[in-house]
Amino acid sequence: MPVKTSKAYLTVLGVPEKPQISGFSSPVMEGDLMQLTCKTSGSKPAADIRWFKNDKEIKDVKYLKEEDANRKTFTVSSTLDFRVDRSDDGVAVICRVDHESLNATPQVAMQVLEIHYTPSVKIIPSTPFPQEGQALTLTCESKGKPLPEPVLWTKDGAELPDPDRMVVSGRELNILFLNKTDNGTYRCEATNTIGQSSAEYVLIVHDPNSLAGQNGPDHALIGGIVAVVVFVTLCSIFLLGRYLARHKGTYLTNEAKGAEDAPDADTAIINAEGSQVNAEEKKEYFI
């Protein structure tokens, strides 16, 4: 019998190695351009690399595929470029490798970012309307990395004028027994190794009596409402009078010409009945 042969082609998948992220040096200053590279070797066919930042995929990346020395597998790398800001501090950047040999379980590498930035400062008063005789606390809320500590308080560009009543405790400025001499511009300044920032608060001490008057009833508003009500009432009376005048009744009396001169009531009635033809000459109107 003749010999018969057949061939089969076997493809062995190359499982990619666990990816590695390079290019990060901690810390990074706000505004710097960062370049991260993710690389994996040993994949066949070439693996696919995807980038994620806070679980949101980044599409604009560079991709490079090279054959390994054995000429059977591939080394794949991808580069991510972006400019960092303070919102990137603590963000996790993930490099994910997808390949058919991984059975739908991708391999990942993660890099948590550390960004240093200048402080941001805000002054928060304990009350929106400071009054004479009251106490006031101004809180200097500062955020930065590294954390600025401590803060510096000044008034009108100089040191605090009354240390006995103006006490600094950490980030708080406590002013005891406010008076009109405390009016002015208070400044809070925060500094860290990256830079310096400040905020200002203009203090106006109010008279308690003036604030009480502002909170009382608005007499002008009440007077205006009363005037409107009176005006509407007068207009209604005027319009009602005109309406009744236009719809007055006309009534013919039993008196007729000559009836007034009758000697007695019977004659007057007879004269009146006999004079109905001239009854239009005498009329009496009622509203």
C-alpha atoms as a PDB file:
ATOM      1  CA  MET A   1       0.000   0.000   0.000  1.00  0.00           C
ATOM      2  CA  PRO A   2       1.302   3.562  -0.660  1.00  0.00           C
ATOM      3  CA  VAL A   3       2.245   5.556   2.426  1.00  0.00           C
ATOM      4  CA  LYS A   4      -0.070   8.488   3.236  1.00  0.00           C
ATOM      5  CA  THR A   5       1.005  11.467   5.384  1.00  0.00           C
ATOM      6  CA  SER A   6      -0.691  14.559   6.893  1.00  0.00           C
ATOM      7  CA  LYS A   7       0.569  17.700   8.633  1.00  0.00           C
ATOM      8  CA  ALA A   8      -0.671  19.656  11.623  1.00  0.00           C
ATOM      9  CA  TYR A   9       0.477  23.153  12.558  1.00  0.00           C
ATOM     10  CA  LEU A  10       0.831  23.797  16.295  1.00  0.00           C
ATOM     11  CA  THR A  11       0.784  27.358  17.666  1.00  0.00           C
ATOM     12  CA  VAL A  12       2.117  27.744  21.167  1.00  0.00           C
ATOM     13  CA  LEU A  13       0.903  30.901  22.926  1.00  0.00           C
ATOM     14  CA  GLY A  14       3.502  32.918  24.781  1.00  0.00           C
ATOM     15  CA  VAL A  15       2.151  34.119  28.140  1.00  0.00           C
ATOM     16  CA  PRO A  16       3.189  37.751  28.796  1.00  0.00           C
ATOM     17  CA  GLU A  17       5.158  38.525  31.905  1.00  0.00           C
ATOM     18  CA  LYS A  18       3.752  40.718  34.656  1.00  0.00           C
ATOM     19  CA  PRO A  19       4.013  44.341  33.456  1.00  0.00           C
ATOM     20  CA  GLN A  20       6.296  46.893  35.079  1.00  0.00           C
ATOM     21  CA  ILE A  21       5.806  50.679  35.223  1.00  0.00           C
ATOM     22  CA  SER A  22       8.883  52.891  35.052  1.00  0.00           C
ATOM     23  CA  GLY A  23       9.562  56.614  34.857  1.00  0.00           C
ATOM     24  CA  PHE A  24       8.023  57.728  38.164  1.00  0.00           C
ATOM     25  CA  SER A  25      10.181  59.472  40.749  1.00  0.00           C
ATOM     26  CA  SER A  26       8.481  60.712  43.897  1.00  0.00           C
ATOM     27  CA  PRO A  27       7.541  63.417  44.498  1.00  0.00           C
ATOM     28  CA  VAL A  28       6.497  65.274  41.348  1.00  0.00           C
ATOM     29  CA  MET A  29       5.949  69.039  41.388  1.00  0.00           C
ATOM     30  CA  GLU A  30       2.638  70.474  40.226  1.00  0.00           C
ATOM     31  CA  GLY A  31       2.807  71.480  36.573  1.00  0.00           C
ATOM     32  CA  ASP A  32       5.609  69.042  35.650  1.00  0.00           C
ATOM     33  CA  LEU A  33       5.346  66.791  32.594  1.00  0.00           C
ATOM     34  CA  MET A  34       5.287  63.119  33.611  1.00  0.00           C
ATOM     35  CA  GLN A  35       6.203  60.210  31.340  1.00  0.00           C
ATOM     36  CA  LEU A  36       5.342  56.665  32.448  1.00  0.00           C
ATOM     37  CA  THR A  37       6.310  53.530  30.522  1.00  0.00           C
ATOM     38  CA  CYS A  38       4.686  50.115  30.910  1.00  0.00           C
ATOM     39  CA  LYS A  39       6.531  47.065  29.514  1.00  0.00           C
ATOM     40  CA  THR A  40       5.851  43.322  29.276  1.00  0.00           C
ATOM     41  CA  SER A  41       7.827  40.530  27.549  1.00  0.00           C
ATOM     42  CA  GLY A  42       7.273  36.951  26.368  1.00  0.00           C
ATOM     43  CA  SER A  43       3.915  37.329  24.700  1.00  0.00           C
ATOM     44  CA  LYS A  44       2.923  35.497  21.517  1.00  0.00           C
ATOM     45  CA  PRO A  45       1.161  36.970  19.705  1.00  0.00           C
ATOM     46  CA  ALA A  46       2.022  40.476  20.907  1.00  0.00           C
ATOM     47  CA  ALA A  47       0.013  41.538  23.953  1.00  0.00           C
ATOM     48  CA  ASP A  48      -2.177  44.630  24.134  1.00  0.00           C
ATOM     49  CA  ILE A  49      -1.492  47.351  26.735  1.00  0.00           C
ATOM     50  CA  ARG A  50      -4.127  49.784  28.029  1.00  0.00           C
ATOM     51  CA  TRP A  51      -3.821  52.677  30.508  1.00  0.00           C
ATOM     52  CA  PHE A  52      -6.340  53.744  33.165  1.00  0.00           C
ATOM     53  CA  LYS A  53      -6.422  56.719  35.499  1.00  0.00           C
ATOM     54  CA  ASN A  54      -9.002  56.517  38.311  1.00  0.00           C
ATOM     55  CA  ASP A  55     -10.745  53.707  36.357  1.00  0.00           C
ATOM     56  CA  LYS A  56     -11.052  55.933  33.277  1.00  0.00           C
ATOM     57  CA  GLU A  57      -9.209  54.723  30.195  1.00  0.00           C
ATOM     58  CA  ILE A  58      -6.603  56.994  28.593  1.00  0.00           C
ATOM     59  CA  LYS A  59      -6.572  56.688  24.828  1.00  0.00           C
ATOM     60  CA  ASP A  60      -3.765  58.988  23.682  1.00  0.00           C
ATOM     61  CA  VAL A  61      -0.717  56.738  24.313  1.00  0.00           C
ATOM     62  CA  LYS A  62       2.292  55.461  22.371  1.00  0.00           C
ATOM     63  CA  TYR A  63       2.648  51.734  21.553  1.00  0.00           C
ATOM     64  CA  LEU A  64       5.826  49.822  20.582  1.00  0.00           C
ATOM     65  CA  LYS A  65       6.233  46.099  19.645  1.00  0.00           C
ATOM     66  CA  GLU A  66       9.623  44.339  19.346  1.00  0.00           C
ATOM     67  CA  GLU A  67      10.682  40.699  18.756  1.00  0.00           C
ATOM     68  CA  ASP A  68      12.532  38.997  21.583  1.00  0.00           C
ATOM     69  CA  ALA A  69      15.955  37.403  21.049  1.00  0.00           C
ATOM     70  CA  ASN A  70      14.400  33.966  20.450  1.00  0.00           C
ATOM     71  CA  ARG A  71      12.412  35.450  17.583  1.00  0.00           C
ATOM     72  CA  LYS A  72       9.353  33.633  18.821  1.00  0.00           C
ATOM     73  CA  THR A  73       7.868  36.050  21.370  1.00  0.00           C
ATOM     74  CA  PHE A  74       7.420  39.798  21.635  1.00  0.00           C
ATOM     75  CA  THR A  75       8.225  42.582  24.073  1.00  0.00           C
ATOM     76  CA  VAL A  76       5.535  45.266  24.128  1.00  0.00           C
ATOM     77  CA  SER A  77       5.813  48.698  25.722  1.00  0.00           C
ATOM     78  CA  SER A  78       3.489  51.686  25.968  1.00  0.00           C
ATOM     79  CA  THR A  79       4.287  55.268  27.036  1.00  0.00           C
ATOM     80  CA  LEU A  80       1.890  57.700  28.731  1.00  0.00           C
ATOM     81  CA  ASP A  81       2.641  61.461  28.786  1.00  0.00           C
ATOM     82  CA  PHE A  82       0.627  64.000  30.801  1.00  0.00           C
ATOM     83  CA  ARG A  83       1.072  67.166  32.852  1.00  0.00           C
ATOM     84  CA  VAL A  84       0.205  66.760  36.526  1.00  0.00           C
ATOM     85  CA  ASP A  85      -1.692  69.099  38.850  1.00  0.00           C
ATOM     86  CA  ARG A  86      -2.799  68.960  42.494  1.00  0.00           C
ATOM     87  CA  SER A  87      -5.894  66.922  41.636  1.00  0.00           C
ATOM     88  CA  ASP A  88      -3.567  64.053  40.593  1.00  0.00           C
ATOM     89  CA  ASP A  89      -2.173  63.648  44.118  1.00  0.00           C
ATOM     90  CA  GLY A  90      -3.041  60.164  45.397  1.00  0.00           C
ATOM     91  CA  VAL A  91      -4.421  59.048  42.011  1.00  0.00           C
ATOM     92  CA  ALA A  92      -3.754  55.444  40.922  1.00  0.00           C
ATOM     93  CA  VAL A  93      -2.440  55.018  37.351  1.00  0.00           C
ATOM     94  CA  ILE A  94      -2.941  51.446  36.088  1.00  0.00           C
ATOM     95  CA  CYS A  95      -1.267  49.631  33.192  1.00  0.00           C
ATOM     96  CA  ARG A  96      -3.282  46.596  32.038  1.00  0.00           C
ATOM     97  CA  VAL A  97      -2.030  43.819  29.763  1.00  0.00           C
ATOM     98  CA  ASP A  98      -4.653  41.894  27.760  1.00  0.00           C
ATOM     99  CA  HIS A  99      -3.769  38.625  25.976  1.00  0.00           C
ATOM    100  CA  GLU A 100      -5.650  35.555  24.799  1.00  0.00           C
ATOM    101  CA  SER A 101      -3.473  33.282  26.963  1.00  0.00           C
ATOM    102  CA  LEU A 102      -4.652  35.004  30.148  1.00  0.00           C
ATOM    103  CA  ASN A 103      -8.176  33.564  29.978  1.00  0.00           C
ATOM    104  CA  ALA A 104      -9.901  36.931  30.360  1.00  0.00           C
ATOM    105  CA  THR A 105      -7.898  37.718  33.529  1.00  0.00           C
ATOM    106  CA  PRO A 106      -5.565  40.585  32.568  1.00  0.00           C
ATOM    107  CA  GLN A 107      -2.300  41.342  34.333  1.00  0.00           C
ATOM    108  CA  VAL A 108      -1.982  44.804  35.854  1.00  0.00           C
ATOM    109  CA  ALA A 109       0.623  47.119  37.344  1.00  0.00           C
ATOM    110  CA  MET A 110      -0.301  50.167  39.422  1.00  0.00           C
ATOM    111  CA  GLN A 111       1.487  53.389  40.314  1.00  0.00           C
ATOM    112  CA  VAL A 112       0.091  55.808  42.926  1.00  0.00           C
ATOM    113  CA  LEU A 113       1.071  59.422  42.209  1.00  0.00           C
ATOM    114  CA  GLU A 114       2.441  61.843  44.795  1.00  0.00           C
ATOM    115  CA  ILE A 115       2.204  65.475  43.748  1.00  0.00           C
ATOM    116  CA  HIS A 116       3.614  68.414  45.720  1.00  0.00           C
ATOM    117  CA  TYR A 117       1.920  71.807  45.310  1.00  0.00           C
ATOM    118  CA  THR A 118       1.752  75.270  46.855  1.00  0.00           C
ATOM    119  CA  PRO A 119      -0.812  75.937  49.604  1.00  0.00           C
ATOM    120  CA  SER A 120      -4.338  77.184  48.986  1.00  0.00           C
ATOM    121  CA  VAL A 121      -5.667  79.420  51.772  1.00  0.00           C
ATOM    122  CA  LYS A 122      -9.169  80.478  52.885  1.00  0.00           C
ATOM    123  CA  ILE A 123     -10.318  82.429  55.982  1.00  0.00           C
ATOM    124  CA  ILE A 124     -13.566  81.332  57.654  1.00  0.00           C
ATOM    125  CA  PRO A 125     -15.162  83.669  60.298  1.00  0.00           C
ATOM    126  CA  SER A 126     -17.158  82.242  63.211  1.00  0.00           C
ATOM    127  CA  THR A 127     -20.031  84.705  62.567  1.00  0.00           C
ATOM    128  CA  PRO A 128     -21.085  86.637  59.448  1.00  0.00           C
ATOM    129  CA  PHE A 129     -21.974  89.832  61.410  1.00  0.00           C
ATOM    130  CA  PRO A 130     -19.415  90.540  64.162  1.00  0.00           C
ATOM    131  CA  GLN A 131     -20.786  92.885  66.870  1.00  0.00           C
ATOM    132  CA  GLU A 132     -19.194  95.033  69.520  1.00  0.00           C
ATOM    133  CA  GLY A 133     -18.604  93.149  72.739  1.00  0.00           C
ATOM    134  CA  GLN A 134     -18.693  89.729  71.096  1.00  0.00           C
ATOM    135  CA  ALA A 135     -15.806  87.314  70.487  1.00  0.00           C
ATOM    136  CA  LEU A 136     -14.711  86.416  66.938  1.00  0.00           C
ATOM    137  CA  THR A 137     -12.693  83.452  65.689  1.00  0.00           C
ATOM    138  CA  LEU A 138     -11.028  83.529  62.253  1.00  0.00           C
ATOM    139  CA  THR A 139      -9.937  80.101  60.997  1.00  0.00           C
ATOM    140  CA  CYS A 140      -7.189  79.921  58.356  1.00  0.00           C
ATOM    141  CA  GLU A 141      -7.969  76.854  56.272  1.00  0.00           C
ATOM    142  CA  SER A 142      -4.838  75.932  54.304  1.00  0.00           C
ATOM    143  CA  LYS A 143      -4.236  72.947  52.038  1.00  0.00           C
ATOM    144  CA  GLY A 144      -0.949  72.022  50.440  1.00  0.00           C
ATOM    145  CA  LYS A 145       1.636  69.283  50.100  1.00  0.00           C
ATOM    146  CA  PRO A 146       3.737  69.254  52.171  1.00  0.00           C
ATOM    147  CA  LEU A 147       1.187  70.565  54.680  1.00  0.00           C
ATOM    148  CA  PRO A 148       1.968  74.198  55.624  1.00  0.00           C
ATOM    149  CA  GLU A 149       2.516  74.630  59.358  1.00  0.00           C
ATOM    150  CA  PRO A 150       2.206  77.052  61.080  1.00  0.00           C
ATOM    151  CA  VAL A 151       0.372  80.050  59.584  1.00  0.00           C
ATOM    152  CA  LEU A 152       1.185  83.750  60.022  1.00  0.00           C
ATOM    153  CA  TRP A 153      -1.492  86.342  60.980  1.00  0.00           C
ATOM    154  CA  THR A 154      -1.158  90.095  60.342  1.00  0.00           C
ATOM    155  CA  LYS A 155      -3.466  93.125  60.432  1.00  0.00           C
ATOM    156  CA  ASP A 156      -3.250  95.914  57.850  1.00  0.00           C
ATOM    157  CA  GLY A 157       0.195  94.677  56.798  1.00  0.00           C
ATOM    158  CA  ALA A 158       1.678  94.739  60.312  1.00  0.00           C
ATOM    159  CA  GLU A 159       1.768  92.591  63.436  1.00  0.00           C
ATOM    160  CA  LEU A 160      -1.377  92.089  65.492  1.00  0.00           C
ATOM    161  CA  PRO A 161      -1.773  95.292  67.573  1.00  0.00           C
ATOM    162  CA  ASP A 162      -3.282  93.843  70.761  1.00  0.00           C
ATOM    163  CA  PRO A 163      -1.788  90.440  71.701  1.00  0.00           C
ATOM    164  CA  ASP A 164      -3.823  90.351  74.927  1.00  0.00           C
ATOM    165  CA  ARG A 165      -7.130  90.309  73.025  1.00  0.00           C
ATOM    166  CA  MET A 166      -5.907  88.789  69.761  1.00  0.00           C
ATOM    167  CA  VAL A 167      -4.708  85.269  70.539  1.00  0.00           C
ATOM    168  CA  VAL A 168      -3.321  82.929  67.846  1.00  0.00           C
ATOM    169  CA  SER A 169      -3.935  79.234  68.482  1.00  0.00           C
ATOM    170  CA  GLY A 170      -2.696  76.975  65.684  1.00  0.00           C
ATOM    171  CA  ARG A 171      -4.583  78.100  62.598  1.00  0.00           C
ATOM    172  CA  GLU A 172      -7.131  80.177  64.537  1.00  0.00           C
ATOM    173  CA  LEU A 173      -7.105  83.863  65.443  1.00  0.00           C
ATOM    174  CA  ASN A 174      -9.351  84.575  68.449  1.00  0.00           C
ATOM    175  CA  ILE A 175     -10.355  88.199  69.065  1.00  0.00           C
ATOM    176  CA  LEU A 176     -11.953  88.845  72.467  1.00  0.00           C
ATOM    177  CA  PHE A 177     -14.462  91.678  73.134  1.00  0.00           C
ATOM    178  CA  LEU A 178     -14.662  93.254  69.692  1.00  0.00           C
ATOM    179  CA  ASN A 179     -14.677  97.044  69.336  1.00  0.00           C
ATOM    180  CA  LYS A 180     -14.500  99.508  66.456  1.00  0.00           C
ATOM    181  CA  THR A 181     -10.696  99.734  66.680  1.00  0.00           C
ATOM    182  CA  ASP A 182     -10.524  96.115  65.471  1.00  0.00           C
ATOM    183  CA  ASN A 183     -11.823  97.115  62.029  1.00  0.00           C
ATOM    184  CA  GLY A 184      -9.288  96.396  59.313  1.00  0.00           C
ATOM    185  CA  THR A 185      -7.860  93.800  56.905  1.00  0.00           C
ATOM    186  CA  TYR A 186      -6.600  90.559  58.455  1.00  0.00           C
ATOM    187  CA  ARG A 187      -4.212  88.423  56.436  1.00  0.00           C
ATOM    188  CA  CYS A 188      -3.379  84.736  56.831  1.00  0.00           C
ATOM    189  CA  GLU A 189      -0.202  83.474  55.165  1.00  0.00           C
ATOM    190  CA  ALA A 190       0.765  79.806  54.664  1.00  0.00           C
ATOM    191  CA  THR A 191       4.131  78.543  53.397  1.00  0.00           C
ATOM    192  CA  ASN A 192       5.573  75.152  52.495  1.00  0.00           C
ATOM    193  CA  THR A 193       8.670  73.985  50.622  1.00  0.00           C
ATOM    194  CA  ILE A 194       6.974  74.564  47.256  1.00  0.00           C
ATOM    195  CA  GLY A 195       5.743  78.117  47.736  1.00  0.00           C
ATOM    196  CA  GLN A 196       3.599  80.590  49.625  1.00  0.00           C
ATOM    197  CA  SER A 197      -0.054  81.664  49.517  1.00  0.00           C
ATOM    198  CA  SER A 198      -2.323  83.981  51.524  1.00  0.00           C
ATOM    199  CA  ALA A 199      -5.911  85.124  52.018  1.00  0.00           C
ATOM    200  CA  GLU A 200      -7.476  88.297  53.425  1.00  0.00           C
ATOM    201  CA  TYR A 201     -10.568  89.053  55.521  1.00  0.00           C
ATOM    202  CA  VAL A 202     -11.979  92.576  55.968  1.00  0.00           C
ATOM    203  CA  LEU A 203     -13.416  92.936  59.485  1.00  0.00           C
ATOM    204  CA  ILE A 204     -16.244  95.430  60.070  1.00  0.00           C
ATOM    205  CA  VAL A 205     -17.494  95.513  63.665  1.00  0.00           C
ATOM    206  CA  HIS A 206     -21.235  96.327  63.751  1.00  0.00           C
ATOM    207  CA  ASP A 207     -23.202  98.234  66.357  1.00  0.00           C
ATOM    208  CA  PRO A 208     -25.695  95.815  68.009  1.00  0.00           C
ATOM    209  CA  ASN A 209     -28.429  98.500  67.985  1.00  0.00           C
ATOM    210  CA  SER A 210     -28.140  99.052  64.245  1.00  0.00           C
ATOM    211  CA  LEU A 211     -28.397  95.307  63.603  1.00  0.00           C
ATOM    212  CA  ALA A 212     -31.483  95.122  65.847  1.00  0.00           C
ATOM    213  CA  GLY A 213     -33.122  97.868  63.787  1.00  0.00           C
ATOM    214  CA  GLN A 214     -32.357  95.961  60.586  1.00  0.00           C
ATOM    215  CA  ASN A 215     -34.020  92.867  61.997  1.00  0.00           C
ATOM    216  CA  GLY A 216     -37.193  94.793  63.079  1.00  0.00           C
ATOM    217  CA  PRO A 217     -40.344  95.259  60.969  1.00  0.00           C
ATOM    218  CA  ASP A 218     -40.057  97.253  57.767  1.00  0.00           C
ATOM    219  CA  HIS A 219     -42.414 100.186  58.449  1.00  0.00           C
ATOM    220  CA  ALA A 220     -42.046 101.550  54.928  1.00  0.00           C
ATOM    221  CA  LEU A 221     -43.248  98.241  53.504  1.00  0.00           C
ATOM    222  CA  ILE A 222     -46.214  98.104  55.897  1.00  0.00           C
ATOM    223  CA  GLY A 223     -47.182 101.709  55.029  1.00  0.00           C
ATOM    224  CA  GLY A 224     -47.045 100.934  51.335  1.00  0.00           C
ATOM    225  CA  ILE A 225     -49.347  97.926  51.743  1.00  0.00           C
ATOM    226  CA  VAL A 226     -51.898 100.004  53.724  1.00  0.00           C
ATOM    227  CA  ALA A 227     -51.851 102.761  51.086  1.00  0.00           C
ATOM    228  CA  VAL A 228     -52.537 100.219  48.321  1.00  0.00           C
ATOM    229  CA  VAL A 229     -55.466  98.728  50.263  1.00  0.00           C
ATOM    230  CA  VAL A 230     -57.041 102.191  50.854  1.00  0.00           C
ATOM    231  CA  PHE A 231     -56.600 103.151  47.204  1.00  0.00           C
ATOM    232  CA  VAL A 232     -58.246  99.935  46.003  1.00  0.00           C
ATOM    233  CA  THR A 233     -61.162 100.465  48.412  1.00  0.00           C
ATOM    234  CA  LEU A 234     -61.794 104.054  47.220  1.00  0.00           C
ATOM    235  CA  CYS A 235     -61.662 102.975  43.598  1.00  0.00           C
ATOM    236  CA  SER A 236     -64.197 100.220  44.302  1.00  0.00           C
ATOM    237  CA  ILE A 237     -66.612 102.684  45.961  1.00  0.00           C
ATOM    238  CA  PHE A 238     -66.278 105.132  43.054  1.00  0.00           C
ATOM    239  CA  LEU A 239     -66.929 102.450  40.433  1.00  0.00           C
ATOM    240  CA  LEU A 240     -69.925 101.118  42.394  1.00  0.00           C
ATOM    241  CA  GLY A 241     -71.439 104.612  42.523  1.00  0.00           C
ATOM    242  CA  ARG A 242     -71.066 105.085  38.779  1.00  0.00           C
ATOM    243  CA  TYR A 243     -72.651 101.710  38.171  1.00  0.00           C
ATOM    244  CA  LEU A 244     -75.724 102.523  40.275  1.00  0.00           C
ATOM    245  CA  ALA A 245     -76.078 105.948  38.662  1.00  0.00           C
ATOM    246  CA  ARG A 246     -76.173 104.421  35.191  1.00  0.00           C
ATOM    247  CA  HIS A 247     -78.834 101.887  36.234  1.00  0.00           C
ATOM    248  CA  LYS A 248     -81.269 104.245  38.059  1.00  0.00           C
ATOM    249  CA  GLY A 249     -85.052 103.511  37.836  1.00  0.00           C
ATOM    250  CA  THR A 250     -87.767 105.829  36.429  1.00  0.00           C
ATOM    251  CA  TYR A 251     -91.117 105.708  38.231  1.00  0.00           C
ATOM    252  CA  LEU A 252     -94.410 107.464  37.381  1.00  0.00           C
ATOM    253  CA  THR A 253     -96.202 108.826  40.497  1.00  0.00           C
ATOM    254  CA  ASN A 254     -99.928 108.990  41.052  1.00  0.00           C
ATOM    255  CA  GLU A 255     -99.690 112.774  40.968  1.00  0.00           C
ATOM    256  CA  ALA A 256    -100.761 114.450  37.774  1.00  0.00           C
ATOM    257  CA  LYS A 257    -101.025 118.016  36.683  1.00  0.00           C
ATOM    258  CA  GLY A 258    -103.859 119.748  38.599  1.00  0.00           C
ATOM    259  CA  ALA A 259    -104.240 116.981  41.208  1.00  0.00           C
ATOM    260  CA  GLU A 260    -102.412 119.055  43.818  1.00  0.00           C
ATOM    261  CA  ASP A 261    -105.205 121.687  43.687  1.00  0.00           C
ATOM    262  CA  ALA A 262    -108.079 119.223  44.237  1.00  0.00           C
ATOM    263  CA  PRO A 263    -110.282 120.064  47.277  1.00  0.00           C
ATOM    264  CA  ASP A 264    -110.245 116.530  48.595  1.00  0.00           C
ATOM    265  CA  ALA A 265    -108.548 113.148  48.070  1.00  0.00           C
ATOM    266  CA  ASP A 266    -111.337 111.634  45.975  1.00  0.00           C
ATOM    267  CA  THR A 267    -111.236 114.529  43.537  1.00  0.00           C
ATOM    268  CA  ALA A 268    -107.478 114.301  43.364  1.00  0.00           C
ATOM    269  CA  ILE A 269    -107.660 110.611  42.466  1.00  0.00           C
ATOM    270  CA  ILE A 270    -110.322 111.251  39.842  1.00  0.00           C
ATOM    271  CA  ASN A 271    -108.297 114.115  38.380  1.00  0.00           C
ATOM    272  CA  ALA A 272    -105.195 111.945  38.457  1.00  0.00           C
ATOM    273  CA  GLU A 273    -106.890 109.073  36.698  1.00  0.00           C
ATOM    274  CA  GLY A 274    -108.292 111.364  34.148  1.00  0.00           C
ATOM    275  CA  SER A 275    -105.015 112.984  33.483  1.00  0.00           C
ATOM    276  CA  GLN A 276    -102.936 109.840  32.798  1.00  0.00           C
ATOM    277  CA  VAL A 277    -102.520 111.037  29.267  1.00  0.00           C
ATOM    278  CA  ASN A 278    -100.454 113.919  30.600  1.00  0.00           C
ATOM    279  CA  ALA A 279     -98.672 111.801  33.189  1.00  0.00           C
ATOM    280  CA  GLU A 280     -95.352 112.139  31.367  1.00  0.00           C
ATOM    281  CA  GLU A 281     -95.318 115.832  32.293  1.00  0.00           C
ATOM    282  CA  LYS A 282     -94.539 114.998  35.918  1.00  0.00           C
ATOM    283  CA  LYS A 283     -92.075 112.275  36.959  1.00  0.00           C
ATOM    284  CA  GLU A 284     -90.118 111.486  40.046  1.00  0.00           C
ATOM    285  CA  TYR A 285     -86.754 109.680  39.995  1.00  0.00           C
ATOM    286  CA  PHE A 286     -85.233 107.357  42.551  1.00  0.00           C
ATOM    287  CA  ILE A 287     -81.732 105.805  42.694  1.00  0.00           C
END
